[in-house]
């Protein structure tokens, strides 16, 4: 299975590093034209830039859906488990 493309909201650097170590491709929302499989976000983050202002990102994973994962409600392990379950 190709590795998943995951957007991680700016400011969630520890999560980004952990996902990269686990083999996921971590990108910024505006930094890719690839299909995005999941978005990890936090409503508690002080960084509010979450928009796709340039229109280049493709919000449709390989299965046709994008999984949204709230980092404020999930531990790092739970985030990894949710990503592992994406088919």
N, C-alpha and C. Protein backbone atom coordinates (compact mmCIF):
# COMPACT_ATOMS: atom_id res chain seq x y z
N UNK A 1 0.85 -1.18 0.00
CA UNK A 1 0.00 0.00 0.00
C UNK A 1 0.89 1.24 0.00
N UNK A 2 0.59 2.21 -0.86
CA UNK A 2 1.40 3.44 -0.84
C UNK A 2 1.21 4.17 0.48
N UNK A 3 2.25 4.90 0.85
CA UNK A 3 2.12 5.60 2.13
C UNK A 3 1.10 6.70 2.03
N UNK A 4 0.43 6.93 3.14
CA UNK A 4 -0.64 7.91 3.18
C UNK A 4 -0.08 9.33 3.22
N UNK A 5 -0.83 10.25 2.63
CA UNK A 5 -0.50 11.67 2.67
C UNK A 5 -1.36 12.29 3.75
N UNK A 6 -0.69 12.88 4.74
CA UNK A 6 -1.40 13.43 5.90
C UNK A 6 -1.05 14.90 6.06
N UNK A 7 -2.08 15.73 6.16
CA UNK A 7 -1.89 17.14 6.49
C UNK A 7 -1.97 17.26 8.01
N UNK A 8 -1.00 17.94 8.58
CA UNK A 8 -1.02 18.22 10.02
C UNK A 8 -1.04 19.73 10.18
N UNK A 9 -2.00 20.20 10.93
CA UNK A 9 -2.16 21.64 11.15
C UNK A 9 -0.86 22.23 11.69
N UNK A 10 -0.52 23.41 11.21
CA UNK A 10 0.67 24.10 11.69
C UNK A 10 0.58 24.27 13.20
N UNK A 11 1.72 24.08 13.86
CA UNK A 11 1.77 24.19 15.31
C UNK A 11 1.73 22.85 16.03
N UNK A 12 1.40 21.78 15.30
CA UNK A 12 1.36 20.44 15.89
C UNK A 12 2.63 19.69 15.48
N UNK A 13 3.77 20.30 15.78
CA UNK A 13 5.06 19.80 15.31
C UNK A 13 5.41 18.41 15.83
N UNK A 14 5.11 18.13 17.09
CA UNK A 14 5.43 16.81 17.63
C UNK A 14 4.67 15.71 16.90
N UNK A 15 3.42 15.98 16.57
CA UNK A 15 2.63 15.00 15.84
C UNK A 15 3.22 14.81 14.44
N UNK A 16 3.59 15.89 13.79
CA UNK A 16 4.21 15.79 12.46
C UNK A 16 5.45 14.91 12.49
N UNK A 17 6.31 15.14 13.47
CA UNK A 17 7.55 14.37 13.59
C UNK A 17 7.25 12.90 13.83
N UNK A 18 6.30 12.61 14.71
CA UNK A 18 5.95 11.22 15.00
C UNK A 18 5.39 10.51 13.77
N UNK A 19 4.57 11.21 13.01
CA UNK A 19 4.00 10.59 11.81
C UNK A 19 5.06 10.35 10.75
N UNK A 20 5.98 11.29 10.59
CA UNK A 20 7.06 11.10 9.63
C UNK A 20 7.92 9.90 10.03
N UNK A 21 8.22 9.77 11.32
CA UNK A 21 9.00 8.62 11.81
C UNK A 21 8.28 7.30 11.54
N UNK A 22 6.95 7.34 11.58
CA UNK A 22 6.15 6.13 11.34
C UNK A 22 5.98 5.84 9.85
N UNK A 23 6.50 6.72 8.99
CA UNK A 23 6.46 6.45 7.56
C UNK A 23 5.38 7.16 6.77
N UNK A 24 4.66 8.05 7.41
CA UNK A 24 3.62 8.81 6.70
C UNK A 24 4.24 10.02 6.01
N UNK A 25 3.65 10.41 4.90
CA UNK A 25 4.09 11.62 4.20
C UNK A 25 3.30 12.79 4.78
N UNK A 26 3.97 13.67 5.50
CA UNK A 26 3.32 14.81 6.14
C UNK A 26 3.53 16.04 5.27
N UNK A 27 2.43 16.71 4.92
CA UNK A 27 2.49 17.88 4.05
C UNK A 27 1.63 18.99 4.63
N UNK A 28 1.87 20.21 4.16
CA UNK A 28 1.02 21.33 4.51
C UNK A 28 -0.16 21.35 3.54
N UNK A 29 -1.26 21.88 3.97
CA UNK A 29 -2.47 21.89 3.14
C UNK A 29 -2.23 22.60 1.81
N UNK A 30 -1.47 23.67 1.83
CA UNK A 30 -1.22 24.42 0.61
C UNK A 30 0.06 23.99 -0.10
N UNK A 31 0.73 22.97 0.43
CA UNK A 31 2.04 22.57 -0.11
C UNK A 31 2.00 21.32 -0.96
N UNK A 32 0.84 20.82 -1.32
CA UNK A 32 0.79 19.59 -2.10
C UNK A 32 -0.32 19.64 -3.13
N UNK A 33 -0.12 18.91 -4.20
CA UNK A 33 -1.16 18.71 -5.19
C UNK A 33 -1.60 17.24 -5.19
N UNK A 34 -1.06 16.47 -4.25
CA UNK A 34 -1.41 15.05 -4.12
C UNK A 34 -2.75 14.90 -3.42
N UNK A 35 -3.37 13.74 -3.61
CA UNK A 35 -4.57 13.43 -2.85
C UNK A 35 -4.22 13.32 -1.38
N UNK A 36 -5.01 13.95 -0.54
CA UNK A 36 -4.79 13.95 0.90
C UNK A 36 -5.68 12.85 1.50
N UNK A 37 -5.07 12.00 2.32
CA UNK A 37 -5.80 10.90 2.95
C UNK A 37 -6.38 11.28 4.30
N UNK A 38 -5.69 12.15 5.04
CA UNK A 38 -6.15 12.52 6.39
C UNK A 38 -5.65 13.91 6.75
N UNK A 39 -6.40 14.54 7.64
CA UNK A 39 -6.01 15.84 8.19
C UNK A 39 -6.05 15.72 9.70
N UNK A 40 -4.92 16.06 10.35
CA UNK A 40 -4.85 16.09 11.81
C UNK A 40 -4.90 17.56 12.21
N UNK A 41 -5.85 17.89 13.06
CA UNK A 41 -6.04 19.29 13.44
C UNK A 41 -6.29 19.38 14.95
N UNK A 42 -6.24 20.58 15.45
CA UNK A 42 -6.58 20.82 16.85
C UNK A 42 -7.38 22.11 16.96
N UNK A 43 -8.56 22.03 17.56
CA UNK A 43 -9.34 23.26 17.76
C UNK A 43 -8.71 24.15 18.82
N UNK A 44 -7.72 23.62 19.55
CA UNK A 44 -7.07 24.37 20.61
C UNK A 44 -5.80 25.05 20.15
N UNK A 45 -5.41 24.84 18.90
CA UNK A 45 -4.18 25.44 18.38
C UNK A 45 -4.36 26.94 18.24
N UNK A 46 -3.29 27.67 18.50
CA UNK A 46 -3.34 29.13 18.34
C UNK A 46 -3.14 29.52 16.89
N UNK A 47 -2.73 28.58 16.05
CA UNK A 47 -2.54 28.85 14.63
C UNK A 47 -3.85 28.56 13.93
N UNK A 48 -4.46 29.56 13.36
CA UNK A 48 -5.78 29.38 12.76
C UNK A 48 -5.73 29.19 11.26
N UNK A 49 -4.53 29.13 10.66
CA UNK A 49 -4.44 28.92 9.21
C UNK A 49 -4.76 27.46 8.90
N UNK A 50 -5.95 27.21 8.42
CA UNK A 50 -6.34 25.85 8.05
C UNK A 50 -6.92 25.81 6.65
N UNK A 51 -6.95 26.94 5.98
CA UNK A 51 -7.61 27.00 4.68
C UNK A 51 -6.71 26.59 3.53
N UNK A 52 -7.34 26.29 2.42
CA UNK A 52 -6.66 25.96 1.19
C UNK A 52 -6.82 27.17 0.27
N UNK A 53 -5.95 28.15 0.45
CA UNK A 53 -6.15 29.41 -0.24
C UNK A 53 -5.70 29.40 -1.70
N UNK A 54 -4.78 28.53 -2.07
CA UNK A 54 -4.33 28.56 -3.47
C UNK A 54 -5.08 27.57 -4.35
N UNK A 55 -5.88 26.68 -3.76
CA UNK A 55 -6.71 25.79 -4.55
C UNK A 55 -5.99 24.61 -5.17
N UNK A 56 -4.73 24.36 -4.81
CA UNK A 56 -3.98 23.28 -5.43
C UNK A 56 -4.17 21.93 -4.75
N UNK A 57 -4.50 21.89 -3.48
CA UNK A 57 -4.61 20.63 -2.77
C UNK A 57 -5.82 19.84 -3.26
N UNK A 58 -5.69 18.52 -3.18
CA UNK A 58 -6.78 17.65 -3.59
C UNK A 58 -7.30 16.94 -2.35
N UNK A 59 -8.45 17.35 -1.90
CA UNK A 59 -9.02 16.80 -0.68
C UNK A 59 -9.84 15.55 -0.98
N UNK A 60 -9.16 14.53 -1.44
CA UNK A 60 -9.80 13.26 -1.70
C UNK A 60 -8.74 12.19 -1.65
N UNK A 61 -8.76 11.37 -0.63
CA UNK A 61 -7.77 10.32 -0.50
C UNK A 61 -7.97 9.22 -1.52
N UNK A 62 -7.13 8.21 -1.44
CA UNK A 62 -7.19 7.12 -2.39
C UNK A 62 -8.50 6.36 -2.32
N UNK A 63 -9.22 6.47 -1.19
CA UNK A 63 -10.51 5.81 -1.05
C UNK A 63 -11.68 6.77 -1.33
N UNK A 64 -11.38 7.99 -1.73
CA UNK A 64 -12.42 8.97 -2.04
C UNK A 64 -12.83 9.84 -0.86
N UNK A 65 -12.25 9.60 0.30
CA UNK A 65 -12.62 10.35 1.50
C UNK A 65 -11.37 10.88 2.19
N UNK A 66 -11.54 11.90 3.00
CA UNK A 66 -10.46 12.43 3.83
C UNK A 66 -10.88 12.22 5.28
N UNK A 67 -10.02 11.57 6.05
CA UNK A 67 -10.30 11.32 7.46
C UNK A 67 -9.82 12.54 8.25
N UNK A 68 -10.70 13.07 9.08
CA UNK A 68 -10.37 14.20 9.94
C UNK A 68 -10.12 13.66 11.34
N UNK A 69 -8.93 13.98 11.91
CA UNK A 69 -8.57 13.49 13.24
C UNK A 69 -8.29 14.68 14.14
N UNK A 70 -9.05 14.77 15.21
CA UNK A 70 -8.90 15.85 16.18
C UNK A 70 -7.79 15.48 17.16
N UNK A 71 -6.67 16.17 17.10
CA UNK A 71 -5.54 15.89 17.98
C UNK A 71 -5.85 16.22 19.43
N UNK A 72 -6.82 17.07 19.67
CA UNK A 72 -7.20 17.41 21.03
C UNK A 72 -7.98 16.31 21.72
N UNK A 73 -8.52 15.38 20.93
CA UNK A 73 -9.32 14.29 21.49
C UNK A 73 -8.64 12.94 21.36
N UNK A 74 -7.45 12.89 20.73
CA UNK A 74 -6.77 11.63 20.48
C UNK A 74 -5.30 11.73 20.88
N UNK A 75 -4.81 10.67 21.51
CA UNK A 75 -3.38 10.61 21.84
C UNK A 75 -2.60 10.33 20.56
N UNK A 76 -1.28 10.45 20.62
CA UNK A 76 -0.44 10.14 19.46
C UNK A 76 -0.68 8.70 19.01
N UNK A 77 -0.80 7.78 19.96
CA UNK A 77 -1.05 6.37 19.62
C UNK A 77 -2.40 6.20 18.93
N UNK A 78 -3.41 6.89 19.42
CA UNK A 78 -4.74 6.80 18.81
C UNK A 78 -4.73 7.37 17.39
N UNK A 79 -3.98 8.44 17.18
CA UNK A 79 -3.87 9.02 15.84
C UNK A 79 -3.23 8.00 14.90
N UNK A 80 -2.15 7.36 15.33
CA UNK A 80 -1.49 6.34 14.51
C UNK A 80 -2.43 5.18 14.21
N UNK A 81 -3.19 4.75 15.19
CA UNK A 81 -4.14 3.65 14.98
C UNK A 81 -5.19 4.03 13.96
N UNK A 82 -5.72 5.23 14.05
CA UNK A 82 -6.73 5.69 13.09
C UNK A 82 -6.16 5.75 11.67
N UNK A 83 -4.91 6.20 11.55
CA UNK A 83 -4.29 6.25 10.23
C UNK A 83 -4.03 4.85 9.69
N UNK A 84 -3.65 3.93 10.55
CA UNK A 84 -3.39 2.56 10.12
C UNK A 84 -4.66 1.90 9.61
N UNK A 85 -5.81 2.35 10.09
CA UNK A 85 -7.08 1.75 9.69
C UNK A 85 -7.66 2.34 8.41
N UNK A 86 -7.01 3.32 7.82
CA UNK A 86 -7.48 3.88 6.56
C UNK A 86 -7.15 2.90 5.45
N UNK A 87 -8.12 2.57 4.67
CA UNK A 87 -7.90 1.63 3.55
C UNK A 87 -8.16 2.32 2.25
